[in-house]
C-alpha atoms as a PDB file:
ATOM      1  CA  MET A   1     -35.347  71.528  96.319  1.00  0.00           C
ATOM      2  CA  THR A   2     -32.558  70.803  93.825  1.00  0.00           C
ATOM      3  CA  THR A   3     -31.332  67.223  93.869  1.00  0.00           C
ATOM      4  CA  VAL A   4     -27.681  66.483  93.163  1.00  0.00           C
ATOM      5  CA  GLY A   5     -26.030  63.387  91.762  1.00  0.00           C
ATOM      6  CA  ILE A   6     -22.378  62.390  91.580  1.00  0.00           C
ATOM      7  CA  ALA A   7     -20.965  59.880  89.105  1.00  0.00           C
ATOM      8  CA  THR A   8     -17.283  59.025  89.504  1.00  0.00           C
ATOM      9  CA  GLY A   9     -15.230  57.333  86.826  1.00  0.00           C
ATOM     10  CA  ALA A  10     -17.629  59.054  84.456  1.00  0.00           C
ATOM     11  CA  GLY A  11     -15.231  59.653  81.595  1.00  0.00           C
ATOM     12  CA  ARG A  12     -15.862  56.301  79.962  1.00  0.00           C
ATOM     13  CA  GLY A  13     -17.066  52.743  80.363  1.00  0.00           C
ATOM     14  CA  MET A  14     -19.355  51.742  83.201  1.00  0.00           C
ATOM     15  CA  GLY A  15     -18.972  55.079  84.977  1.00  0.00           C
ATOM     16  CA  LEU A  16     -20.269  56.949  81.940  1.00  0.00           C
ATOM     17  CA  ALA A  17     -23.088  54.456  81.447  1.00  0.00           C
ATOM     18  CA  CYS A  18     -24.134  55.029  85.063  1.00  0.00           C
ATOM     19  CA  ALA A  19     -23.956  58.792  84.586  1.00  0.00           C
ATOM     20  CA  ARG A  20     -26.403  58.521  81.687  1.00  0.00           C
ATOM     21  CA  ARG A  21     -28.885  56.760  83.957  1.00  0.00           C
ATOM     22  CA  LEU A  22     -28.455  59.317  86.741  1.00  0.00           C
ATOM     23  CA  THR A  23     -29.838  62.068  84.499  1.00  0.00           C
ATOM     24  CA  ASP A  24     -33.261  60.525  85.167  1.00  0.00           C
ATOM     25  CA  LEU A  25     -32.842  60.839  88.940  1.00  0.00           C
ATOM     26  CA  VAL A  26     -31.396  64.279  89.679  1.00  0.00           C
ATOM     27  CA  ASP A  27     -31.568  67.946  88.717  1.00  0.00           C
ATOM     28  CA  THR A  28     -27.799  68.525  88.782  1.00  0.00           C
ATOM     29  CA  LEU A  29     -25.158  65.948  87.985  1.00  0.00           C
ATOM     30  CA  LEU A  30     -21.439  66.179  88.722  1.00  0.00           C
ATOM     31  CA  LEU A  31     -19.324  64.007  86.441  1.00  0.00           C
ATOM     32  CA  VAL A  32     -16.066  63.082  88.175  1.00  0.00           C
ATOM     33  CA  ASP A  33     -12.954  61.683  86.524  1.00  0.00           C
ATOM     34  CA  ARG A  34      -9.202  62.292  86.655  1.00  0.00           C
ATOM     35  CA  ASP A  35      -9.072  62.440  82.827  1.00  0.00           C
ATOM     36  CA  GLU A  36     -10.037  66.043  82.065  1.00  0.00           C
ATOM     37  CA  PRO A  37     -10.589  65.680  78.277  1.00  0.00           C
ATOM     38  CA  ALA A  38     -12.687  62.536  78.766  1.00  0.00           C
ATOM     39  CA  VAL A  39     -14.910  63.921  81.520  1.00  0.00           C
ATOM     40  CA  THR A  40     -15.365  67.248  79.699  1.00  0.00           C
ATOM     41  CA  ALA A  41     -16.419  65.410  76.543  1.00  0.00           C
ATOM     42  CA  ALA A  42     -18.785  63.232  78.577  1.00  0.00           C
ATOM     43  CA  ALA A  43     -20.409  66.298  80.134  1.00  0.00           C
ATOM     44  CA  LYS A  44     -20.941  67.838  76.693  1.00  0.00           C
ATOM     45  CA  GLU A  45     -22.438  64.603  75.378  1.00  0.00           C
ATOM     46  CA  LEU A  46     -24.887  64.211  78.251  1.00  0.00           C
ATOM     47  CA  SER A  47     -25.809  67.898  78.222  1.00  0.00           C
ATOM     48  CA  ALA A  48     -26.669  67.658  74.535  1.00  0.00           C
ATOM     49  CA  ALA A  49     -28.795  64.562  75.166  1.00  0.00           C
ATOM     50  CA  ASP A  50     -30.697  66.010  78.147  1.00  0.00           C
ATOM     51  CA  GLY A  51     -30.924  69.786  78.321  1.00  0.00           C
ATOM     52  CA  GLU A  52     -33.097  69.726  81.460  1.00  0.00           C
ATOM     53  CA  VAL A  53     -30.349  68.474  83.764  1.00  0.00           C
ATOM     54  CA  ARG A  54     -27.425  70.667  84.768  1.00  0.00           C
ATOM     55  CA  ILE A  55     -24.283  68.645  84.098  1.00  0.00           C
ATOM     56  CA  GLU A  56     -20.838  69.739  85.217  1.00  0.00           C
ATOM     57  CA  PRO A  57     -17.459  68.008  84.874  1.00  0.00           C
ATOM     58  CA  PHE A  58     -15.245  67.811  87.946  1.00  0.00           C
ATOM     59  CA  VAL A  59     -11.628  66.740  87.479  1.00  0.00           C
ATOM     60  CA  LEU A  60     -10.470  64.687  90.451  1.00  0.00           C
ATOM     61  CA  ASP A  61      -8.092  61.925  91.457  1.00  0.00           C
ATOM     62  CA  ILE A  62     -10.183  60.090  94.023  1.00  0.00           C
ATOM     63  CA  THR A  63      -7.086  59.595  96.211  1.00  0.00           C
ATOM     64  CA  ASP A  64      -6.674  63.380  96.698  1.00  0.00           C
ATOM     65  CA  PRO A  65      -8.225  64.295 100.083  1.00  0.00           C
ATOM     66  CA  ALA A  66      -8.394  68.019  99.309  1.00  0.00           C
ATOM     67  CA  GLY A  67     -10.052  67.380  95.958  1.00  0.00           C
ATOM     68  CA  VAL A  68     -12.602  65.013  97.505  1.00  0.00           C
ATOM     69  CA  ALA A  69     -13.412  67.660 100.122  1.00  0.00           C
ATOM     70  CA  GLN A  70     -13.919  70.231  97.353  1.00  0.00           C
ATOM     71  CA  LEU A  71     -16.287  67.846  95.563  1.00  0.00           C
ATOM     72  CA  ALA A  72     -18.355  67.396  98.715  1.00  0.00           C
ATOM     73  CA  SER A  73     -18.437  71.153  99.295  1.00  0.00           C
ATOM     74  CA  LEU A  74     -19.628  71.799  95.747  1.00  0.00           C
ATOM     75  CA  ALA A  75     -22.335  69.154  96.025  1.00  0.00           C
ATOM     76  CA  ALA A  76     -23.592  70.757  99.232  1.00  0.00           C
ATOM     77  CA  GLU A  77     -23.692  74.181  97.575  1.00  0.00           C
ATOM     78  CA  LEU A  78     -25.682  72.885  94.619  1.00  0.00           C
ATOM     79  CA  GLY A  79     -28.489  71.228  96.558  1.00  0.00           C
ATOM     80  CA  THR A  80     -29.488  68.007  98.300  1.00  0.00           C
ATOM     81  CA  LEU A  81     -27.378  64.929  97.665  1.00  0.00           C
ATOM     82  CA  ARG A  82     -29.637  62.301  96.132  1.00  0.00           C
ATOM     83  CA  ALA A  83     -27.530  59.711  94.291  1.00  0.00           C
ATOM     84  CA  VAL A  84     -23.883  58.679  94.071  1.00  0.00           C
ATOM     85  CA  SER A  85     -22.493  56.155  91.608  1.00  0.00           C
ATOM     86  CA  HIS A  86     -18.889  55.489  92.555  1.00  0.00           C
ATOM     87  CA  ALA A  87     -17.335  53.624  89.630  1.00  0.00           C
ATOM     88  CA  ALA A  88     -13.842  55.160  89.758  1.00  0.00           C
ATOM     89  CA  GLY A  89     -11.260  52.442  90.191  1.00  0.00           C
ATOM     90  CA  ILE A  90      -8.293  50.645  88.693  1.00  0.00           C
ATOM     91  CA  SER A  91      -7.673  47.017  87.793  1.00  0.00           C
ATOM     92  CA  PRO A  92      -4.663  44.704  88.180  1.00  0.00           C
ATOM     93  CA  THR A  93      -2.798  45.712  85.013  1.00  0.00           C
ATOM     94  CA  MET A  94      -3.033  49.436  85.715  1.00  0.00           C
ATOM     95  CA  ALA A  95      -0.826  49.933  88.785  1.00  0.00           C
ATOM     96  CA  GLY A  96       1.120  48.368  91.624  1.00  0.00           C
ATOM     97  CA  TRP A  97      -0.510  46.806  94.633  1.00  0.00           C
ATOM     98  CA  ARG A  98      -0.348  49.887  96.855  1.00  0.00           C
ATOM     99  CA  ARG A  99      -1.970  52.128  94.262  1.00  0.00           C
ATOM    100  CA  ILE A 100      -4.721  49.558  93.729  1.00  0.00           C
ATOM    101  CA  PHE A 101      -5.626  49.670  97.408  1.00  0.00           C
ATOM    102  CA  GLU A 102      -5.324  53.459  97.526  1.00  0.00           C
ATOM    103  CA  VAL A 103      -7.766  53.932  94.654  1.00  0.00           C
ATOM    104  CA  ASP A 104     -10.184  51.045  95.029  1.00  0.00           C
ATOM    105  CA  LEU A 105     -10.604  50.840  98.797  1.00  0.00           C
ATOM    106  CA  VAL A 106      -9.052  53.899 100.461  1.00  0.00           C
ATOM    107  CA  GLY A 107     -10.524  56.175  97.786  1.00  0.00           C
ATOM    108  CA  THR A 108     -13.965  54.644  98.321  1.00  0.00           C
ATOM    109  CA  ALA A 109     -13.753  55.183 102.064  1.00  0.00           C
ATOM    110  CA  ARG A 110     -12.473  58.744 101.646  1.00  0.00           C
ATOM    111  CA  LEU A 111     -15.299  59.680  99.261  1.00  0.00           C
ATOM    112  CA  ALA A 112     -17.939  58.166 101.524  1.00  0.00           C
ATOM    113  CA  GLU A 113     -16.529  59.945 104.566  1.00  0.00           C
ATOM    114  CA  ALA A 114     -16.607  63.303 102.773  1.00  0.00           C
ATOM    115  CA  LEU A 115     -20.161  62.821 101.545  1.00  0.00           C
ATOM    116  CA  ARG A 116     -21.572  61.348 104.760  1.00  0.00           C
ATOM    117  CA  PRO A 117     -22.472  64.751 106.287  1.00  0.00           C
ATOM    118  CA  LEU A 118     -24.589  65.434 103.187  1.00  0.00           C
ATOM    119  CA  ALA A 119     -26.682  62.291 103.600  1.00  0.00           C
ATOM    120  CA  THR A 120     -30.362  62.789 104.185  1.00  0.00           C
ATOM    121  CA  GLU A 121     -33.678  61.018 103.621  1.00  0.00           C
ATOM    122  CA  GLY A 122     -33.480  59.387 100.187  1.00  0.00           C
ATOM    123  CA  THR A 123     -29.733  59.684  99.621  1.00  0.00           C
ATOM    124  CA  ALA A 124     -28.307  56.536  98.031  1.00  0.00           C
ATOM    125  CA  LEU A 125     -24.717  55.458  97.365  1.00  0.00           C
ATOM    126  CA  VAL A 126     -23.609  52.607  95.111  1.00  0.00           C
ATOM    127  CA  CYS A 127     -19.918  51.632  95.145  1.00  0.00           C
ATOM    128  CA  PHE A 128     -18.279  49.423  92.559  1.00  0.00           C
ATOM    129  CA  ALA A 129     -16.729  46.230  93.871  1.00  0.00           C
ATOM    130  CA  SER A 130     -15.951  43.138  91.760  1.00  0.00           C
ATOM    131  CA  MET A 131     -16.680  39.454  91.364  1.00  0.00           C
ATOM    132  CA  ALA A 132     -12.940  38.794  91.967  1.00  0.00           C
ATOM    133  CA  PRO A 133     -13.134  38.163  95.731  1.00  0.00           C
ATOM    134  CA  LEU A 134     -16.240  36.035  95.214  1.00  0.00           C
ATOM    135  CA  LEU A 135     -14.528  33.852  92.618  1.00  0.00           C
ATOM    136  CA  GLY A 136     -11.495  33.577  94.882  1.00  0.00           C
ATOM    137  CA  ASN A 137     -13.634  32.761  97.932  1.00  0.00           C
ATOM    138  CA  LEU A 138     -11.693  35.325  99.943  1.00  0.00           C
ATOM    139  CA  GLU A 139     -12.517  35.374 103.608  1.00  0.00           C
ATOM    140  CA  ALA A 140     -10.663  37.632 106.013  1.00  0.00           C
ATOM    141  CA  ASP A 141      -9.696  36.326 109.425  1.00  0.00           C
ATOM    142  CA  SER A 142     -10.380  38.590 112.385  1.00  0.00           C
ATOM    143  CA  ALA A 143      -6.984  40.305 112.222  1.00  0.00           C
ATOM    144  CA  VAL A 144      -7.168  41.057 108.486  1.00  0.00           C
ATOM    145  CA  ALA A 145     -10.815  42.077 108.778  1.00  0.00           C
ATOM    146  CA  ALA A 146      -9.975  44.634 111.456  1.00  0.00           C
ATOM    147  CA  ILE A 147      -7.343  46.161 109.188  1.00  0.00           C
ATOM    148  CA  LEU A 148      -9.569  46.188 106.095  1.00  0.00           C
ATOM    149  CA  ASP A 149     -12.314  47.880 108.081  1.00  0.00           C
ATOM    150  CA  ASP A 150     -10.065  50.840 108.924  1.00  0.00           C
ATOM    151  CA  PRO A 151      -8.696  51.878 105.515  1.00  0.00           C
ATOM    152  CA  LEU A 152      -8.198  55.554 106.400  1.00  0.00           C
ATOM    153  CA  ARG A 153      -5.509  54.881 108.998  1.00  0.00           C
ATOM    154  CA  ASP A 154      -2.168  56.377 107.990  1.00  0.00           C
ATOM    155  CA  ASP A 155      -0.409  53.017 108.306  1.00  0.00           C
ATOM    156  CA  PHE A 156      -3.188  51.009 106.626  1.00  0.00           C
ATOM    157  CA  LEU A 157      -1.096  49.586 103.778  1.00  0.00           C
ATOM    158  CA  ASP A 158       1.850  48.647 105.976  1.00  0.00           C
ATOM    159  CA  ARG A 159      -0.423  46.878 108.456  1.00  0.00           C
ATOM    160  CA  LEU A 160      -2.164  45.032 105.645  1.00  0.00           C
ATOM    161  CA  ARG A 161       1.153  43.946 104.095  1.00  0.00           C
ATOM    162  CA  ASP A 162       2.271  42.598 107.466  1.00  0.00           C
ATOM    163  CA  ALA A 163      -0.996  40.683 107.916  1.00  0.00           C
ATOM    164  CA  LEU A 164      -1.299  39.222 104.420  1.00  0.00           C
ATOM    165  CA  GLY A 165       2.388  38.768 103.653  1.00  0.00           C
ATOM    166  CA  PRO A 166       4.280  39.314 100.391  1.00  0.00           C
ATOM    167  CA  ALA A 167       1.604  37.537  98.335  1.00  0.00           C
ATOM    168  CA  VAL A 168      -0.519  40.694  98.507  1.00  0.00           C
ATOM    169  CA  GLU A 169       2.008  42.429  96.276  1.00  0.00           C
ATOM    170  CA  ASN A 170       0.594  40.373  93.406  1.00  0.00           C
ATOM    171  CA  THR A 171      -1.675  42.910  91.756  1.00  0.00           C
ATOM    172  CA  GLY A 172      -4.408  40.391  90.999  1.00  0.00           C
ATOM    173  CA  LEU A 173      -4.587  39.348  94.643  1.00  0.00           C
ATOM    174  CA  ALA A 174      -4.340  42.950  95.805  1.00  0.00           C
ATOM    175  CA  TYR A 175      -7.287  43.832  93.585  1.00  0.00           C
ATOM    176  CA  ALA A 176      -9.376  40.981  94.993  1.00  0.00           C
ATOM    177  CA  TRP A 177      -8.602  41.981  98.588  1.00  0.00           C
ATOM    178  CA  ALA A 178      -9.302  45.652  97.869  1.00  0.00           C
ATOM    179  CA  LYS A 179     -12.706  44.796  96.414  1.00  0.00           C
ATOM    180  CA  HIS A 180     -13.400  42.470  99.327  1.00  0.00           C
ATOM    181  CA  GLY A 181     -12.713  45.505 101.462  1.00  0.00           C
ATOM    182  CA  VAL A 182     -15.317  47.444  99.452  1.00  0.00           C
ATOM    183  CA  HIS A 183     -17.879  44.710 100.139  1.00  0.00           C
ATOM    184  CA  ARG A 184     -17.158  45.008 103.850  1.00  0.00           C
ATOM    185  CA  PHE A 185     -17.093  48.799 103.766  1.00  0.00           C
ATOM    186  CA  VAL A 186     -20.528  49.094 102.142  1.00  0.00           C
ATOM    187  CA  ARG A 187     -22.121  46.906 104.803  1.00  0.00           C
ATOM    188  CA  ARG A 188     -20.707  49.135 107.522  1.00  0.00           C
ATOM    189  CA  GLU A 189     -21.623  52.303 105.634  1.00  0.00           C
ATOM    190  CA  ALA A 190     -25.226  51.151 105.358  1.00  0.00           C
ATOM    191  CA  VAL A 191     -25.354  50.939 109.155  1.00  0.00           C
ATOM    192  CA  ARG A 192     -23.864  54.422 109.492  1.00  0.00           C
ATOM    193  CA  LEU A 193     -26.247  55.986 106.962  1.00  0.00           C
ATOM    194  CA  GLY A 194     -29.431  54.248 108.034  1.00  0.00           C
ATOM    195  CA  PRO A 195     -30.378  56.682 110.832  1.00  0.00           C
ATOM    196  CA  TYR A 196     -30.417  59.494 108.246  1.00  0.00           C
ATOM    197  CA  GLY A 197     -32.753  57.603 105.938  1.00  0.00           C
ATOM    198  CA  ALA A 198     -29.879  57.051 103.506  1.00  0.00           C
ATOM    199  CA  ARG A 199     -28.647  53.829 101.897  1.00  0.00           C
ATOM    200  CA  ALA A 200     -25.440  52.216 100.631  1.00  0.00           C
ATOM    201  CA  CYS A 201     -24.980  49.195  98.375  1.00  0.00           C
ATOM    202  CA  SER A 202     -22.326  47.794  96.069  1.00  0.00           C
ATOM    203  CA  VAL A 203     -22.312  46.145  92.665  1.00  0.00           C
ATOM    204  CA  SER A 204     -19.861  43.478  91.550  1.00  0.00           C
ATOM    205  CA  PRO A 205     -19.461  43.389  87.775  1.00  0.00           C
ATOM    206  CA  GLY A 206     -18.294  40.262  85.988  1.00  0.00           C
ATOM    207  CA  VAL A 207     -16.422  40.356  82.687  1.00  0.00           C
ATOM    208  CA  ILE A 208     -17.722  43.554  81.081  1.00  0.00           C
ATOM    209  CA  ASP A 209     -16.870  44.762  77.582  1.00  0.00           C
ATOM    210  CA  THR A 210     -15.292  48.151  78.310  1.00  0.00           C
ATOM    211  CA  PRO A 211     -11.875  49.614  77.392  1.00  0.00           C
ATOM    212  CA  GLN A 212     -10.585  48.730  80.848  1.00  0.00           C
ATOM    213  CA  GLY A 213     -12.114  45.261  80.646  1.00  0.00           C
ATOM    214  CA  ARG A 214     -10.508  44.615  77.287  1.00  0.00           C
ATOM    215  CA  GLN A 215      -7.132  45.716  78.668  1.00  0.00           C
ATOM    216  CA  GLU A 216      -7.439  43.187  81.465  1.00  0.00           C
ATOM    217  CA  ALA A 217      -8.582  40.432  79.102  1.00  0.00           C
ATOM    218  CA  ALA A 218      -5.542  40.991  76.879  1.00  0.00           C
ATOM    219  CA  ALA A 219      -3.219  40.542  79.855  1.00  0.00           C
ATOM    220  CA  GLN A 220      -5.102  37.713  81.558  1.00  0.00           C
ATOM    221  CA  PRO A 221      -5.998  34.744  79.313  1.00  0.00           C
ATOM    222  CA  ALA A 222      -8.026  33.231  82.173  1.00  0.00           C
ATOM    223  CA  MET A 223     -10.722  35.832  81.527  1.00  0.00           C
ATOM    224  CA  ALA A 224     -11.545  34.190  78.196  1.00  0.00           C
ATOM    225  CA  ALA A 225     -12.181  30.957  80.055  1.00  0.00           C
ATOM    226  CA  LEU A 226     -14.533  32.787  82.400  1.00  0.00           C
ATOM    227  CA  VAL A 227     -16.511  34.107  79.441  1.00  0.00           C
ATOM    228  CA  GLU A 228     -16.762  30.574  78.080  1.00  0.00           C
ATOM    229  CA  ARG A 229     -18.154  29.393  81.420  1.00  0.00           C
ATOM    230  CA  THR A 230     -20.646  32.250  81.688  1.00  0.00           C
ATOM    231  CA  PRO A 231     -24.133  30.708  81.422  1.00  0.00           C
ATOM    232  CA  LEU A 232     -25.365  33.624  79.284  1.00  0.00           C
ATOM    233  CA  GLY A 233     -22.508  32.929  76.887  1.00  0.00           C
ATOM    234  CA  ARG A 234     -21.146  36.449  76.481  1.00  0.00           C
ATOM    235  CA  THR A 235     -19.424  39.341  78.149  1.00  0.00           C
ATOM    236  CA  GLY A 236     -21.552  41.932  79.858  1.00  0.00           C
ATOM    237  CA  ARG A 237     -22.162  45.448  78.586  1.00  0.00           C
ATOM    238  CA  ALA A 238     -21.656  48.631  80.552  1.00  0.00           C
ATOM    239  CA  GLU A 239     -25.391  49.287  80.235  1.00  0.00           C
ATOM    240  CA  ASN A 240     -26.152  45.999  82.030  1.00  0.00           C
ATOM    241  CA  VAL A 241     -24.255  47.168  85.091  1.00  0.00           C
ATOM    242  CA  ALA A 242     -25.662  50.698  84.855  1.00  0.00           C
ATOM    243  CA  ALA A 243     -29.186  49.289  84.908  1.00  0.00           C
ATOM    244  CA  ALA A 244     -28.488  47.539  88.214  1.00  0.00           C
ATOM    245  CA  VAL A 245     -26.935  50.710  89.636  1.00  0.00           C
ATOM    246  CA  ALA A 246     -29.908  52.798  88.478  1.00  0.00           C
ATOM    247  CA  PHE A 247     -32.298  50.435  90.247  1.00  0.00           C
ATOM    248  CA  LEU A 248     -30.323  50.511  93.497  1.00  0.00           C
ATOM    249  CA  LEU A 249     -30.274  54.307  93.421  1.00  0.00           C
ATOM    250  CA  SER A 250     -33.972  54.588  92.586  1.00  0.00           C
ATOM    251  CA  ASP A 251     -36.885  55.008  94.969  1.00  0.00           C
ATOM    252  CA  GLU A 252     -37.992  51.502  93.991  1.00  0.00           C
ATOM    253  CA  ALA A 253     -35.010  50.224  95.988  1.00  0.00           C
ATOM    254  CA  ALA A 254     -35.875  52.350  99.032  1.00  0.00           C
ATOM    255  CA  PHE A 255     -35.673  49.373 101.431  1.00  0.00           C
ATOM    256  CA  ILE A 256     -32.503  47.845  99.976  1.00  0.00           C
ATOM    257  CA  SER A 257     -29.263  48.667 101.754  1.00  0.00           C
ATOM    258  CA  GLY A 258     -26.049  47.015 102.842  1.00  0.00           C
ATOM    259  CA  ILE A 259     -25.979  44.406 100.073  1.00  0.00           C
ATOM    260  CA  ASP A 260     -23.865  43.566  97.040  1.00  0.00           C
ATOM    261  CA  VAL A 261     -25.482  42.897  93.669  1.00  0.00           C
ATOM    262  CA  LEU A 262     -23.530  40.531  91.439  1.00  0.00           C
ATOM    263  CA  VAL A 263     -23.830  41.402  87.734  1.00  0.00           C
ATOM    264  CA  ASP A 264     -21.819  38.602  86.138  1.00  0.00           C
ATOM    265  CA  GLY A 265     -24.071  36.701  83.740  1.00  0.00           C
ATOM    266  CA  GLY A 266     -24.058  33.772  86.140  1.00  0.00           C
ATOM    267  CA  VAL A 267     -20.351  32.924  85.936  1.00  0.00           C
ATOM    268  CA  CYS A 268     -19.830  32.791  89.717  1.00  0.00           C
ATOM    269  CA  ALA A 269     -22.713  30.349  89.970  1.00  0.00           C
ATOM    270  CA  ALA A 270     -21.192  28.238  87.199  1.00  0.00           C
ATOM    271  CA  VAL A 271     -17.715  28.203  88.755  1.00  0.00           C
ATOM    272  CA  ARG A 272     -19.081  27.316  92.158  1.00  0.00           C
END
């Protein structure tokens, strides 16, 4: 039986670090990213480092339903879905509020929906969330929660804008709400996958030293203050997050599902 892994956002940063760890878990690994040169280079790098695993790049914008369906079809053709690291996402400086929701929450739900029929005993999914909603102490009331829990509705963004008001157009707030939606989504997905013997969790990175993280830090001076308040006294590394993802995807985590793992060096604890 050939096991298959999928690593999204695998062209760089935390997604690539997770992809490196997945080579220890599967026979075939699909590297997914919208940046064709980056994901092709990543596939060549990992193939050179581990010749025993079949590694293929797959160019995809996670918001493209047809492309996501093609990814799921290819994974099914290649073997049994074993592990999914879903790191693809955008941060507040990268797009407007609608695009942030479309990528970070709707894209997560769309990928999970496409891969759900492939779930079987031992399949594990880890989605990237963020410490942002935890720092902001976001809590959805019943009306907002109902909207967040149905992100694939055609009118999702309009309903959410009506419920949260114009403040949600602030990209920082939109990002926090989108990642709060990921936290909620993973809990529900764990319930859906459980009867198949499959699992779903999320990870919430803190301030991580990646190209995307540095872009955010340059635009948001408050991030420097968060680093100063981090008990471990530094930013995180992509490998720190990848290690947590690798554990959650491993057989050692076979009874862990429906939770979020905070990888923030203790800064949320310090702020609280």
